[in-house]
């Protein structure tokens, strides 16, 4: 039986399958020179964003940055934890963990739980 609980930040794989979507752990690096996936350190997808880090102003650019390559509307990308921090847990509706891992992995470094 699968658990309905949300995963914890900073533990284990960076992407988890869930009912109707996928959880994604992100370590945000705001103020980067350009928006890009920068690696997979410490159990989270490291995403550099060319957006300020002041009071959650990087949240919407992060949603847009992830929604476009995954082919989902922005409304399908929800920040579930970490709205004001750099460590974030997102839920992406309508895509599998494997799809997220293949699309967002830097140079194919797939590490998906249950995928």
N, C-alpha and C. Protein backbone atom coordinates (compact mmCIF):
# COMPACT_ATOMS: atom_id res chain seq x y z
N UNK A 1 0.83 -1.19 0.00
CA UNK A 1 0.00 0.00 0.00
C UNK A 1 0.88 1.25 0.00
N UNK A 2 0.54 2.21 -0.84
CA UNK A 2 1.32 3.44 -0.95
C UNK A 2 0.89 4.44 0.11
N UNK A 3 1.84 5.23 0.56
CA UNK A 3 1.57 6.26 1.55
C UNK A 3 0.98 7.50 0.88
N UNK A 4 0.07 8.15 1.60
CA UNK A 4 -0.54 9.39 1.10
C UNK A 4 0.18 10.62 1.63
N UNK A 5 1.16 10.41 2.50
CA UNK A 5 1.87 11.53 3.11
C UNK A 5 2.80 12.20 2.12
N UNK A 6 2.97 13.50 2.30
CA UNK A 6 3.93 14.23 1.47
C UNK A 6 5.33 13.85 1.91
N UNK A 7 6.26 13.76 0.97
CA UNK A 7 7.64 13.46 1.33
C UNK A 7 8.27 14.60 2.11
N UNK A 8 9.34 14.29 2.83
CA UNK A 8 10.07 15.30 3.58
C UNK A 8 11.16 15.89 2.70
N UNK A 9 11.45 17.16 2.92
CA UNK A 9 12.52 17.81 2.17
C UNK A 9 13.86 17.31 2.63
N UNK A 10 14.80 17.20 1.69
CA UNK A 10 16.18 16.86 2.02
C UNK A 10 16.42 15.40 2.34
N UNK A 11 15.43 14.53 2.05
CA UNK A 11 15.62 13.11 2.33
C UNK A 11 15.36 12.32 1.05
N UNK A 12 16.29 11.44 0.72
CA UNK A 12 16.06 10.51 -0.37
C UNK A 12 16.02 11.13 -1.75
N UNK A 13 15.32 10.44 -2.66
CA UNK A 13 15.25 10.88 -4.06
C UNK A 13 14.63 12.27 -4.20
N UNK A 14 14.87 12.89 -5.32
CA UNK A 14 14.38 14.25 -5.57
C UNK A 14 13.03 14.28 -6.24
N UNK A 15 12.51 13.14 -6.67
CA UNK A 15 11.21 13.09 -7.33
C UNK A 15 10.47 11.82 -6.88
N UNK A 16 9.18 11.98 -6.50
CA UNK A 16 8.39 10.88 -5.99
C UNK A 16 7.06 10.80 -6.74
N UNK A 17 6.60 9.59 -7.09
CA UNK A 17 5.28 9.46 -7.69
C UNK A 17 4.21 9.70 -6.62
N UNK A 18 3.09 10.23 -7.04
CA UNK A 18 1.96 10.48 -6.13
C UNK A 18 0.68 10.31 -6.93
N UNK A 19 -0.42 10.20 -6.23
CA UNK A 19 -1.72 10.11 -6.89
C UNK A 19 -1.96 11.37 -7.71
N UNK A 20 -2.18 11.22 -8.99
CA UNK A 20 -2.47 12.31 -9.93
C UNK A 20 -1.29 13.22 -10.23
N UNK A 21 -0.07 12.82 -9.88
CA UNK A 21 1.06 13.69 -10.19
C UNK A 21 2.35 13.22 -9.56
N UNK A 22 3.23 14.18 -9.30
CA UNK A 22 4.57 13.90 -8.82
C UNK A 22 5.02 14.98 -7.84
N UNK A 23 5.71 14.55 -6.78
CA UNK A 23 6.36 15.50 -5.88
C UNK A 23 7.79 15.72 -6.37
N UNK A 24 8.26 16.94 -6.24
CA UNK A 24 9.59 17.32 -6.70
C UNK A 24 10.25 18.18 -5.63
N UNK A 25 11.43 17.76 -5.17
CA UNK A 25 12.22 18.54 -4.21
C UNK A 25 13.17 19.43 -5.00
N UNK A 26 13.17 20.72 -4.69
CA UNK A 26 14.00 21.68 -5.41
C UNK A 26 14.81 22.51 -4.42
N UNK A 27 16.09 22.66 -4.71
CA UNK A 27 16.94 23.61 -3.99
C UNK A 27 17.10 24.80 -4.93
N UNK A 28 16.47 25.91 -4.59
CA UNK A 28 16.45 27.09 -5.45
C UNK A 28 17.68 27.96 -5.22
N UNK A 29 18.26 28.41 -6.32
CA UNK A 29 19.39 29.35 -6.26
C UNK A 29 18.94 30.59 -7.02
N UNK A 30 18.28 31.53 -6.31
CA UNK A 30 17.83 32.75 -6.98
C UNK A 30 18.99 33.68 -7.30
N UNK A 31 18.77 34.57 -8.23
CA UNK A 31 19.79 35.54 -8.60
C UNK A 31 20.89 34.96 -9.47
N UNK A 32 20.64 33.80 -10.08
CA UNK A 32 21.64 33.19 -10.96
C UNK A 32 21.76 34.00 -12.25
N UNK A 33 22.86 33.79 -12.93
CA UNK A 33 23.09 34.50 -14.19
C UNK A 33 22.02 34.14 -15.22
N UNK A 34 21.60 32.85 -15.22
CA UNK A 34 20.52 32.42 -16.11
C UNK A 34 19.74 31.31 -15.43
N UNK A 35 18.51 31.08 -15.86
CA UNK A 35 17.68 30.02 -15.30
C UNK A 35 18.08 28.69 -15.92
N UNK A 36 18.44 27.73 -15.04
CA UNK A 36 18.87 26.42 -15.52
C UNK A 36 18.86 25.40 -14.39
N UNK A 37 18.80 24.12 -14.76
CA UNK A 37 18.98 23.05 -13.79
C UNK A 37 20.48 22.92 -13.59
N UNK A 38 20.91 23.02 -12.33
CA UNK A 38 22.34 23.08 -12.05
C UNK A 38 22.90 21.80 -11.44
N UNK A 39 22.06 20.82 -11.13
CA UNK A 39 22.58 19.57 -10.58
C UNK A 39 21.60 18.91 -9.65
N UNK A 40 22.08 17.86 -8.98
CA UNK A 40 21.27 17.07 -8.06
C UNK A 40 21.99 16.83 -6.73
N UNK A 41 22.39 17.88 -6.04
CA UNK A 41 23.09 17.66 -4.77
C UNK A 41 22.13 17.38 -3.62
N UNK A 42 22.48 16.49 -2.75
CA UNK A 42 21.75 16.29 -1.50
C UNK A 42 20.27 15.97 -1.60
N UNK A 43 19.83 15.23 -2.58
CA UNK A 43 18.44 14.80 -2.64
C UNK A 43 17.46 15.83 -3.14
N UNK A 44 17.91 16.82 -3.86
CA UNK A 44 17.02 17.83 -4.43
C UNK A 44 17.55 18.28 -5.79
N UNK A 45 16.65 18.68 -6.65
CA UNK A 45 17.03 19.25 -7.94
C UNK A 45 17.49 20.68 -7.68
N UNK A 46 18.71 21.01 -8.06
CA UNK A 46 19.23 22.36 -7.86
C UNK A 46 18.87 23.18 -9.09
N UNK A 47 18.09 24.24 -8.89
CA UNK A 47 17.64 25.07 -9.99
C UNK A 47 18.09 26.51 -9.78
N UNK A 48 18.92 26.99 -10.69
CA UNK A 48 19.34 28.38 -10.67
C UNK A 48 18.32 29.21 -11.43
N UNK A 49 17.87 30.30 -10.82
CA UNK A 49 16.88 31.17 -11.46
C UNK A 49 17.38 32.60 -11.54
N UNK A 50 17.18 33.19 -12.68
CA UNK A 50 17.52 34.61 -12.86
C UNK A 50 16.37 35.44 -12.33
N UNK A 51 16.11 35.32 -11.04
CA UNK A 51 15.03 36.05 -10.37
C UNK A 51 15.50 36.37 -8.96
N UNK A 52 15.00 37.47 -8.37
CA UNK A 52 15.43 37.84 -7.01
C UNK A 52 14.89 36.87 -5.97
N UNK A 53 15.56 36.80 -4.81
CA UNK A 53 15.14 35.91 -3.74
C UNK A 53 14.31 36.61 -2.67
N UNK A 54 13.99 37.85 -2.86
CA UNK A 54 13.33 38.66 -1.84
C UNK A 54 11.86 38.28 -1.68
N UNK A 55 11.47 37.87 -0.46
CA UNK A 55 10.08 37.59 -0.07
C UNK A 55 9.30 36.75 -1.08
N UNK A 56 9.88 35.65 -1.53
CA UNK A 56 9.16 34.72 -2.39
C UNK A 56 8.98 35.16 -3.82
N UNK A 57 9.70 36.18 -4.26
CA UNK A 57 9.53 36.68 -5.62
C UNK A 57 10.04 35.70 -6.67
N UNK A 58 10.80 34.69 -6.29
CA UNK A 58 11.29 33.69 -7.25
C UNK A 58 10.30 32.55 -7.43
N UNK A 59 9.22 32.51 -6.65
CA UNK A 59 8.28 31.40 -6.74
C UNK A 59 7.59 31.31 -8.10
N UNK A 60 7.04 32.40 -8.58
CA UNK A 60 6.35 32.38 -9.87
C UNK A 60 7.30 32.07 -11.02
N UNK A 61 8.50 32.68 -11.07
CA UNK A 61 9.45 32.29 -12.10
C UNK A 61 9.83 30.80 -12.04
N UNK A 62 9.90 30.23 -10.83
CA UNK A 62 10.20 28.81 -10.68
C UNK A 62 9.08 27.97 -11.28
N UNK A 63 7.84 28.33 -10.98
CA UNK A 63 6.68 27.62 -11.53
C UNK A 63 6.71 27.66 -13.06
N UNK A 64 6.96 28.83 -13.61
CA UNK A 64 7.02 28.98 -15.07
C UNK A 64 8.19 28.18 -15.66
N UNK A 65 9.34 28.21 -14.99
CA UNK A 65 10.53 27.50 -15.44
C UNK A 65 10.28 25.99 -15.51
N UNK A 66 9.52 25.44 -14.57
CA UNK A 66 9.25 24.01 -14.54
C UNK A 66 8.07 23.61 -15.44
N UNK A 67 7.04 24.43 -15.49
CA UNK A 67 5.84 24.08 -16.26
C UNK A 67 6.11 23.95 -17.75
N UNK A 68 6.90 24.86 -18.29
CA UNK A 68 7.13 24.88 -19.73
C UNK A 68 7.76 23.59 -20.26
N UNK A 69 8.92 23.15 -19.76
CA UNK A 69 9.51 21.92 -20.32
C UNK A 69 8.69 20.67 -20.02
N UNK A 70 7.92 20.69 -18.93
CA UNK A 70 7.10 19.53 -18.59
C UNK A 70 5.80 19.49 -19.39
N UNK A 71 5.48 20.58 -20.07
CA UNK A 71 4.29 20.62 -20.91
C UNK A 71 2.99 20.65 -20.13
N UNK A 72 3.03 21.28 -18.95
CA UNK A 72 1.81 21.41 -18.15
C UNK A 72 1.50 22.89 -17.93
N UNK A 73 0.22 23.21 -17.71
CA UNK A 73 -0.12 24.60 -17.38
C UNK A 73 0.50 24.99 -16.04
N UNK A 74 0.77 26.27 -15.88
CA UNK A 74 1.36 26.77 -14.62
C UNK A 74 0.51 26.41 -13.41
N UNK A 75 -0.79 26.32 -13.60
CA UNK A 75 -1.68 26.00 -12.47
C UNK A 75 -1.47 24.57 -11.96
N UNK A 76 -0.79 23.74 -12.74
CA UNK A 76 -0.52 22.35 -12.34
C UNK A 76 0.75 22.21 -11.50
N UNK A 77 1.50 23.29 -11.32
CA UNK A 77 2.72 23.27 -10.52
C UNK A 77 2.44 24.06 -9.24
N UNK A 78 2.41 23.33 -8.12
CA UNK A 78 2.08 23.95 -6.82
C UNK A 78 3.26 23.84 -5.87
N UNK A 79 3.56 24.93 -5.17
CA UNK A 79 4.57 24.89 -4.12
C UNK A 79 3.86 24.47 -2.84
N UNK A 80 4.21 23.28 -2.34
CA UNK A 80 3.54 22.74 -1.15
C UNK A 80 4.27 23.10 0.14
N UNK A 81 5.60 23.22 0.06
CA UNK A 81 6.40 23.59 1.24
C UNK A 81 7.53 24.50 0.79
N UNK A 82 7.90 25.44 1.65
CA UNK A 82 9.07 26.26 1.40
C UNK A 82 8.82 27.51 0.57
N UNK A 83 7.65 28.09 0.67
CA UNK A 83 7.33 29.27 -0.14
C UNK A 83 8.30 30.42 0.08
N UNK A 84 8.86 30.55 1.27
CA UNK A 84 9.76 31.67 1.55
C UNK A 84 11.21 31.22 1.70
N UNK A 85 11.49 29.94 1.48
CA UNK A 85 12.85 29.44 1.61
C UNK A 85 13.40 28.97 0.28
N UNK A 86 14.63 28.50 0.33
CA UNK A 86 15.27 27.98 -0.89
C UNK A 86 14.94 26.52 -1.12
N UNK A 87 14.72 25.76 -0.04
CA UNK A 87 14.34 24.36 -0.15
C UNK A 87 12.82 24.31 -0.33
N UNK A 88 12.38 23.73 -1.45
CA UNK A 88 10.96 23.72 -1.78
C UNK A 88 10.51 22.32 -2.13
N UNK A 89 9.26 22.03 -1.81
CA UNK A 89 8.62 20.80 -2.23
C UNK A 89 7.46 21.20 -3.12
N UNK A 90 7.49 20.72 -4.36
CA UNK A 90 6.44 21.06 -5.32
C UNK A 90 5.64 19.82 -5.66
N UNK A 91 4.38 20.04 -6.03
CA UNK A 91 3.55 18.97 -6.56
C UNK A 91 3.21 19.36 -7.99
N UNK A 92 3.47 18.45 -8.92
CA UNK A 92 3.20 18.71 -10.32
C UNK A 92 2.11 17.75 -10.77
N UNK A 93 0.97 18.28 -11.06
CA UNK A 93 -0.20 17.49 -11.44
C UNK A 93 -0.12 17.08 -12.91
N UNK A 94 -0.46 15.81 -13.18
CA UNK A 94 -0.61 15.36 -14.55
C UNK A 94 0.63 14.81 -15.22
N UNK A 95 1.73 14.64 -14.49
CA UNK A 95 2.94 14.03 -15.06
C UNK A 95 3.45 12.96 -14.10
N UNK A 96 4.12 11.96 -14.65
CA UNK A 96 4.68 10.89 -13.82
C UNK A 96 6.05 11.28 -13.31
N UNK A 97 6.49 10.57 -12.28
CA UNK A 97 7.84 10.81 -11.74
C UNK A 97 8.90 10.54 -12.80
N UNK A 98 8.69 9.53 -13.62
CA UNK A 98 9.65 9.23 -14.67
C UNK A 98 9.72 10.35 -15.71
N UNK A 99 8.57 10.90 -16.09
CA UNK A 99 8.55 12.02 -17.04
C UNK A 99 9.29 13.23 -16.48
N UNK A 100 9.06 13.53 -15.19
CA UNK A 100 9.74 14.66 -14.55
C UNK A 100 11.25 14.40 -14.51
N UNK A 101 11.64 13.19 -14.11
CA UNK A 101 13.06 12.86 -14.01
C UNK A 101 13.75 12.95 -15.37
N UNK A 102 13.13 12.40 -16.40
CA UNK A 102 13.72 12.44 -17.74
C UNK A 102 13.83 13.87 -18.27
N UNK A 103 12.81 14.67 -18.01
CA UNK A 103 12.78 16.03 -18.54
C UNK A 103 13.73 16.97 -17.81
N UNK A 104 13.82 16.85 -16.50
CA UNK A 104 14.57 17.82 -15.71
C UNK A 104 15.96 17.38 -15.28
N UNK A 105 16.27 16.12 -15.43
CA UNK A 105 17.60 15.63 -15.00
C UNK A 105 18.71 16.28 -15.79
N UNK A 106 19.71 16.78 -15.09
CA UNK A 106 20.87 17.31 -15.81
C UNK A 106 21.63 16.15 -16.45
N UNK A 107 21.76 16.17 -17.76
CA UNK A 107 22.50 15.17 -18.53
C UNK A 107 22.07 13.75 -18.19
N UNK A 108 20.76 13.54 -17.98
CA UNK A 108 20.21 12.20 -17.81
C UNK A 108 20.48 11.53 -16.49
N UNK A 109 20.84 12.28 -15.47
CA UNK A 109 21.12 11.69 -14.15
C UNK A 109 19.82 11.40 -13.43
N UNK A 110 19.11 10.38 -13.86
CA UNK A 110 17.78 10.08 -13.31
C UNK A 110 17.93 9.36 -11.97
N UNK A 111 17.22 9.89 -10.97
CA UNK A 111 17.18 9.26 -9.66
C UNK A 111 15.76 9.45 -9.13
N UNK A 112 14.82 8.71 -9.69
CA UNK A 112 13.41 8.83 -9.33
C UNK A 112 13.00 7.68 -8.44
N UNK A 113 12.28 7.97 -7.39
CA UNK A 113 11.78 6.96 -6.48
C UNK A 113 10.50 6.36 -7.08
N UNK A 114 10.48 5.07 -7.24
CA UNK A 114 9.29 4.40 -7.75
C UNK A 114 9.06 4.59 -9.23
N UNK A 115 10.03 5.09 -9.95
CA UNK A 115 9.85 5.33 -11.39
C UNK A 115 10.44 4.17 -12.20
